[in-house]
Amino acid sequence: MRVKTSLISQLFEIILISLILIILLLLTFLYDVSPLKASVSSVFWYVLLTIGIIILNEIVIKRLYTYEIDNTGIKETFVLFSKKETFVPYSNITKIDMKKTFLGRLLNYGDIDVISSSSAKITLRGIKNPEDVYQRLKEMFEKHKKEKEENE
């Protein structure tokens, strides 16, 4: 099962960036705010720019990661200039956490942290229907935990 990031979360972030860029353009051209002059409005300009860059960074990061969940474990793939894969088998998982922000609860997206005994951590970012994915991961984790106990 390939897990995808929520289109709604990405769309919301793109709308936020668009609004920030519009405000920056309005401040710069209509109100003659110069970011090079030291003033309260130029500080506000830089704060908005920083927030926009942080949100843009989140969008880019979400697009560069892909996640696959199968019967043996979870695979995270990161592709930018090179490719990095992290695989965590269910037998090595020690903890699974789900996080949803207020907006994530409204729009049904969130993050899932998977921590393994080998100190590897996979964070599934901006996942749509995170409760379903979380439940599936917990079921697979419990199944493998029982199998491991029976084999010992």
C-alpha atoms as a PDB file:
ATOM      1  CA  MET A   1       0.000   0.000   0.000  1.00  0.00           C
ATOM      2  CA  ARG A   2       1.471   3.308  -1.052  1.00  0.00           C
ATOM      3  CA  VAL A   3       0.638   6.126   1.342  1.00  0.00           C
ATOM      4  CA  LYS A   4       0.177   9.571  -0.130  1.00  0.00           C
ATOM      5  CA  THR A   5       0.212  13.006   1.389  1.00  0.00           C
ATOM      6  CA  SER A   6      -3.069  14.838   1.618  1.00  0.00           C
ATOM      7  CA  LEU A   7      -3.874  17.044  -1.349  1.00  0.00           C
ATOM      8  CA  ILE A   8      -5.919  19.266   0.969  1.00  0.00           C
ATOM      9  CA  SER A   9      -2.928  19.933   3.233  1.00  0.00           C
ATOM     10  CA  GLN A  10      -0.780  20.792   0.215  1.00  0.00           C
ATOM     11  CA  LEU A  11      -3.517  22.992  -1.268  1.00  0.00           C
ATOM     12  CA  PHE A  12      -3.927  24.835   2.034  1.00  0.00           C
ATOM     13  CA  GLU A  13      -0.191  25.457   2.227  1.00  0.00           C
ATOM     14  CA  ILE A  14      -0.096  26.706  -1.387  1.00  0.00           C
ATOM     15  CA  ILE A  15      -2.955  29.121  -0.621  1.00  0.00           C
ATOM     16  CA  LEU A  16      -1.043  30.380   2.444  1.00  0.00           C
ATOM     17  CA  ILE A  17       2.094  30.966   0.374  1.00  0.00           C
ATOM     18  CA  SER A  18       0.055  32.771  -2.291  1.00  0.00           C
ATOM     19  CA  LEU A  19      -1.488  35.058   0.321  1.00  0.00           C
ATOM     20  CA  ILE A  20       1.917  35.790   1.838  1.00  0.00           C
ATOM     21  CA  LEU A  21       3.377  36.609  -1.581  1.00  0.00           C
ATOM     22  CA  ILE A  22       0.428  38.902  -2.357  1.00  0.00           C
ATOM     23  CA  ILE A  23       0.894  40.715   0.971  1.00  0.00           C
ATOM     24  CA  LEU A  24       4.639  41.048   0.312  1.00  0.00           C
ATOM     25  CA  LEU A  25       3.974  42.476  -3.140  1.00  0.00           C
ATOM     26  CA  LEU A  26       1.356  44.893  -1.786  1.00  0.00           C
ATOM     27  CA  LEU A  27       3.707  46.068   0.957  1.00  0.00           C
ATOM     28  CA  THR A  28       6.563  46.497  -1.487  1.00  0.00           C
ATOM     29  CA  PHE A  29       4.803  48.202  -4.381  1.00  0.00           C
ATOM     30  CA  LEU A  30       1.658  49.885  -3.015  1.00  0.00           C
ATOM     31  CA  TYR A  31       2.952  50.976   0.383  1.00  0.00           C
ATOM     32  CA  ASP A  32       6.596  51.520  -0.619  1.00  0.00           C
ATOM     33  CA  VAL A  33       7.972  49.242   2.081  1.00  0.00           C
ATOM     34  CA  SER A  34      11.616  48.733   1.346  1.00  0.00           C
ATOM     35  CA  PRO A  35      13.068  45.597   2.916  1.00  0.00           C
ATOM     36  CA  LEU A  36      16.500  47.255   2.773  1.00  0.00           C
ATOM     37  CA  LYS A  37      15.524  50.134   5.061  1.00  0.00           C
ATOM     38  CA  ALA A  38      15.382  49.538   8.795  1.00  0.00           C
ATOM     39  CA  SER A  39      11.802  50.060   9.924  1.00  0.00           C
ATOM     40  CA  VAL A  40       8.933  48.228  11.578  1.00  0.00           C
ATOM     41  CA  SER A  41       7.318  47.525   8.217  1.00  0.00           C
ATOM     42  CA  SER A  42      10.530  46.037   6.799  1.00  0.00           C
ATOM     43  CA  VAL A  43      10.766  43.720   9.830  1.00  0.00           C
ATOM     44  CA  PHE A  44       7.168  42.644   9.147  1.00  0.00           C
ATOM     45  CA  TRP A  45       8.157  42.094   5.494  1.00  0.00           C
ATOM     46  CA  TYR A  46      11.006  39.782   6.539  1.00  0.00           C
ATOM     47  CA  VAL A  47       8.817  37.900   9.016  1.00  0.00           C
ATOM     48  CA  LEU A  48       6.260  37.208   6.277  1.00  0.00           C
ATOM     49  CA  LEU A  49       9.009  36.149   3.891  1.00  0.00           C
ATOM     50  CA  THR A  50      10.422  33.746   6.489  1.00  0.00           C
ATOM     51  CA  ILE A  51       6.998  32.214   7.139  1.00  0.00           C
ATOM     52  CA  GLY A  52       6.502  31.773   3.390  1.00  0.00           C
ATOM     53  CA  ILE A  53       9.862  30.039   3.013  1.00  0.00           C
ATOM     54  CA  ILE A  54       9.108  27.688   5.921  1.00  0.00           C
ATOM     55  CA  ILE A  55       5.749  26.717   4.395  1.00  0.00           C
ATOM     56  CA  LEU A  56       7.333  26.275   0.950  1.00  0.00           C
ATOM     57  CA  ASN A  57       9.980  24.057   2.529  1.00  0.00           C
ATOM     58  CA  GLU A  58       7.244  21.856   4.046  1.00  0.00           C
ATOM     59  CA  ILE A  59       5.527  21.482   0.660  1.00  0.00           C
ATOM     60  CA  VAL A  60       8.776  20.534  -1.053  1.00  0.00           C
ATOM     61  CA  ILE A  61       9.688  18.035   1.670  1.00  0.00           C
ATOM     62  CA  LYS A  62       6.271  16.373   1.449  1.00  0.00           C
ATOM     63  CA  ARG A  63       6.713  15.943  -2.301  1.00  0.00           C
ATOM     64  CA  LEU A  64      10.201  14.433  -2.026  1.00  0.00           C
ATOM     65  CA  TYR A  65       9.160  11.642   0.351  1.00  0.00           C
ATOM     66  CA  THR A  66       7.122   8.574  -0.583  1.00  0.00           C
ATOM     67  CA  TYR A  67       5.977   5.878   1.821  1.00  0.00           C
ATOM     68  CA  GLU A  68       5.099   2.232   1.255  1.00  0.00           C
ATOM     69  CA  ILE A  69       3.467  -0.059   3.786  1.00  0.00           C
ATOM     70  CA  ASP A  70       3.417  -3.789   3.149  1.00  0.00           C
ATOM     71  CA  ASN A  71       3.253  -7.024   5.153  1.00  0.00           C
ATOM     72  CA  THR A  72       6.922  -6.876   6.172  1.00  0.00           C
ATOM     73  CA  GLY A  73       7.369  -3.231   7.176  1.00  0.00           C
ATOM     74  CA  ILE A  74       7.431   0.426   6.215  1.00  0.00           C
ATOM     75  CA  LYS A  75       9.661   1.911   3.531  1.00  0.00           C
ATOM     76  CA  GLU A  76      10.407   5.614   3.237  1.00  0.00           C
ATOM     77  CA  THR A  77      12.026   6.868   0.036  1.00  0.00           C
ATOM     78  CA  PHE A  78      13.585  10.314  -0.316  1.00  0.00           C
ATOM     79  CA  VAL A  79      14.599  11.454  -3.784  1.00  0.00           C
ATOM     80  CA  LEU A  80      16.262  14.767  -4.550  1.00  0.00           C
ATOM     81  CA  PHE A  81      19.633  14.503  -6.275  1.00  0.00           C
ATOM     82  CA  SER A  82      20.242  11.046  -4.906  1.00  0.00           C
ATOM     83  CA  LYS A  83      17.915   8.395  -3.573  1.00  0.00           C
ATOM     84  CA  LYS A  84      17.754   7.344   0.082  1.00  0.00           C
ATOM     85  CA  GLU A  85      15.571   4.510   1.322  1.00  0.00           C
ATOM     86  CA  THR A  86      14.836   3.636   4.923  1.00  0.00           C
ATOM     87  CA  PHE A  87      13.104   0.366   5.725  1.00  0.00           C
ATOM     88  CA  VAL A  88      11.766  -0.481   9.171  1.00  0.00           C
ATOM     89  CA  PRO A  89      10.425  -4.025   9.625  1.00  0.00           C
ATOM     90  CA  TYR A  90       7.466  -4.432  11.960  1.00  0.00           C
ATOM     91  CA  SER A  91       9.591  -6.584  14.257  1.00  0.00           C
ATOM     92  CA  ASN A  92      11.877  -3.581  14.952  1.00  0.00           C
ATOM     93  CA  ILE A  93       9.127  -1.034  15.637  1.00  0.00           C
ATOM     94  CA  THR A  94       8.973   0.129  19.240  1.00  0.00           C
ATOM     95  CA  LYS A  95       6.509   3.008  19.039  1.00  0.00           C
ATOM     96  CA  ILE A  96       3.906   4.461  16.661  1.00  0.00           C
ATOM     97  CA  ASP A  97       2.500   7.957  17.247  1.00  0.00           C
ATOM     98  CA  MET A  98      -0.079   9.977  15.337  1.00  0.00           C
ATOM     99  CA  LYS A  99      -0.217  13.782  15.384  1.00  0.00           C
ATOM    100  CA  LYS A 100      -2.996  15.958  14.003  1.00  0.00           C
ATOM    101  CA  THR A 101      -3.148  19.717  14.219  1.00  0.00           C
ATOM    102  CA  PHE A 102      -6.433  21.577  14.637  1.00  0.00           C
ATOM    103  CA  LEU A 103      -6.580  22.157  10.877  1.00  0.00           C
ATOM    104  CA  GLY A 104      -5.562  18.545  10.289  1.00  0.00           C
ATOM    105  CA  ARG A 105      -8.529  17.374  12.345  1.00  0.00           C
ATOM    106  CA  LEU A 106     -10.864  19.552  10.301  1.00  0.00           C
ATOM    107  CA  LEU A 107      -9.397  18.520   6.929  1.00  0.00           C
ATOM    108  CA  ASN A 108      -8.496  14.920   7.905  1.00  0.00           C
ATOM    109  CA  TYR A 109      -4.712  14.846   7.544  1.00  0.00           C
ATOM    110  CA  GLY A 110      -1.845  14.355   9.957  1.00  0.00           C
ATOM    111  CA  ASP A 111       1.606  12.934  10.670  1.00  0.00           C
ATOM    112  CA  ILE A 112       2.547   9.465  11.864  1.00  0.00           C
ATOM    113  CA  ASP A 113       5.868   8.798  13.632  1.00  0.00           C
ATOM    114  CA  VAL A 114       7.284   5.280  13.507  1.00  0.00           C
ATOM    115  CA  ILE A 115      10.233   4.671  15.821  1.00  0.00           C
ATOM    116  CA  SER A 116      12.331   1.523  15.650  1.00  0.00           C
ATOM    117  CA  SER A 117      14.639  -0.200  18.101  1.00  0.00           C
ATOM    118  CA  SER A 118      17.590   0.590  15.831  1.00  0.00           C
ATOM    119  CA  SER A 119      16.965   4.333  16.428  1.00  0.00           C
ATOM    120  CA  ALA A 120      15.635   4.768  12.887  1.00  0.00           C
ATOM    121  CA  LYS A 121      12.620   7.041  12.742  1.00  0.00           C
ATOM    122  CA  ILE A 122      10.189   7.459   9.870  1.00  0.00           C
ATOM    123  CA  THR A 123       7.719  10.329   9.895  1.00  0.00           C
ATOM    124  CA  LEU A 124       4.870   9.999   7.431  1.00  0.00           C
ATOM    125  CA  ARG A 125       4.094  13.699   6.855  1.00  0.00           C
ATOM    126  CA  GLY A 126       0.735  15.166   5.859  1.00  0.00           C
ATOM    127  CA  ILE A 127      -0.964  11.803   5.368  1.00  0.00           C
ATOM    128  CA  LYS A 128      -4.608  11.780   4.365  1.00  0.00           C
ATOM    129  CA  ASN A 129      -6.874   9.630   6.566  1.00  0.00           C
ATOM    130  CA  PRO A 130      -4.149   9.216   9.199  1.00  0.00           C
ATOM    131  CA  GLU A 131      -6.428   7.236  11.545  1.00  0.00           C
ATOM    132  CA  ASP A 132      -6.807   4.484   8.934  1.00  0.00           C
ATOM    133  CA  VAL A 133      -3.068   4.326   8.265  1.00  0.00           C
ATOM    134  CA  TYR A 134      -2.305   4.443  12.005  1.00  0.00           C
ATOM    135  CA  GLN A 135      -4.767   1.616  12.673  1.00  0.00           C
ATOM    136  CA  ARG A 136      -3.283  -0.530   9.896  1.00  0.00           C
ATOM    137  CA  LEU A 137       0.238   0.043  11.208  1.00  0.00           C
ATOM    138  CA  LYS A 138      -0.827  -0.857  14.756  1.00  0.00           C
ATOM    139  CA  GLU A 139      -2.541  -4.051  13.535  1.00  0.00           C
ATOM    140  CA  MET A 140       0.528  -5.132  11.567  1.00  0.00           C
ATOM    141  CA  PHE A 141       2.789  -4.254  14.506  1.00  0.00           C
ATOM    142  CA  GLU A 142       0.649  -6.303  16.927  1.00  0.00           C
ATOM    143  CA  LYS A 143       0.479  -9.227  14.483  1.00  0.00           C
ATOM    144  CA  HIS A 144       4.263  -9.349  14.126  1.00  0.00           C
ATOM    145  CA  LYS A 145       4.714  -8.913  17.879  1.00  0.00           C
ATOM    146  CA  LYS A 146       2.488 -11.973  18.544  1.00  0.00           C
ATOM    147  CA  GLU A 147       4.308 -14.015  15.899  1.00  0.00           C
ATOM    148  CA  LYS A 148       7.652 -13.103  17.459  1.00  0.00           C
ATOM    149  CA  GLU A 149       6.434 -14.115  20.945  1.00  0.00           C
ATOM    150  CA  GLU A 150       5.087 -17.443  19.624  1.00  0.00           C
ATOM    151  CA  ASN A 151       8.397 -18.250  17.906  1.00  0.00           C
ATOM    152  CA  GLU A 152      10.399 -17.660  21.090  1.00  0.00           C
END
